[in-house]
């Protein structure tokens, strides 16, 4: 059966369960539990003959052959037992709850998953199937701000160029999209080197380290990585269920790839002022540059703290980080002084499943003390660019010109060369001296003319135009909500 047909078959059953109040996210989580047991069962048979110490009353065979009577109760008991079994079992099943209370439908889902042999499929195929299910969930549930488009991930990874034996972290890892993008790049570009046992084991068990505050999301990340060949049914990569902002990073890493949550305000404020930290609602971080409850500004500081010297990062951030005053201005000044913030990619609306999202990607390297940013190259892939999720989705090919510009060995090439590599003059440099003179050190720069304000005959199609209006209204509404939240705290 093809990947698409298998995804369609599994996903279609979700409509049957929706009448029972099972959401898309709940359905995917139940699939994760059952799929793990199915694969453990397959690995226990020849030629693998591996024993993962699954309790007898929790095994795949037990539920596959279980009569309808008592099935739901025994499944609920099994989830509790597995959550206390340690190692990979506890990480997958911690806090697990059964959301399918109709025994007939639970049995049907078990039989549905049993129709295919998951272990016999290649890592790429079964991983892609699970990724497709995750994307379906994001599309259907509207939780799009937590699902970074694969085109953006591929673009970022192509620029960062991860290598074997480099540590890669994401402090808000979600379902592991950045990890899988980096994994695909390493497998594609360093296939021969991965024949080395040390490099292969490092990639499988020690390359990736992520954090997510939602247990169910961390669970999906673990399964996603496992199905792509990272970790095994006994040992897992480090995916911690905790708010990564609450503590100073214990270990420095070579690469950080992140798309922090878009909401600005937080239930707490992080400060580098020890006296202020004594007050309720404040958390002390001596490694931070300034006090803020803005999540993005906190994550920027946290990510810089995570990086080892000469480490590199790519961070997806909303527009407010580029122009917000107060703490925002302090953070931008520190970025210029303590990192080489060399490139900013400005992206259009219409590319996330959530409306009203305007983001940028900041590319930087953590340099030795005293080495500051000399210039920032901005790539404007927003002005006169129109995308929608269905009819005109953002693809990697749309950003290939940016990748070529980013990788140019000499960005100061002649105008003639740039005319081919840099169509419409989208790539533009601003020096440190130019930026430092801007009001509030504002990075929200534009230089291209918006054609829609010049010629009414070249307006976007009605669908695109209406979506951009919705995005603008949503963005304004989200900003207003954040202002109200901030005022309520004062």
Foldseek 3Di string as FASTA:
>chain_A
DALVVLLCLLVVLVVVCVVVVQALLNSLLVCLLLVLLLQQVVCCDPPNVDDLPQDPLQHLVNQLPPDLVCNQVSNQVSLVVQCPPDFLSVLQSPVNGDSRPRSVSVNVSSVSSVVDRLVVDDLVSSLVSLVVSVVVNCLVVLVFLLPPDLLVLLLVCLLQVDEFPFAEEEAAQFLNSNLVSNVVSHCVPPVVVCVPVVSVLCNQEPRYAYEHQDSSRLSNNFSSSQSNRHAHSGHTHHYYNDNLLQDQDPAAGQEYEYEDRQAFADQAKEACDPVVQVDPRYGHDVQAQGIDRTRVLSVLSRNLSRHDAQHKYKYKYFQCLQAPADSSLRSVVVQQQFKAQAEKEWAAFAATSHAQGTIIITIITGHDHPDGHFKYKYAYCYAVHFAHVPPRYDHNVSCVLVSCCSPPPDNPDDPVVCVVSPPPNRIDMDGPVRQVPDVSSGPPDDDHDRVCVVDVVPDDDPVRVVRNVRNNVVNVVSVVVSVVVVVVVD
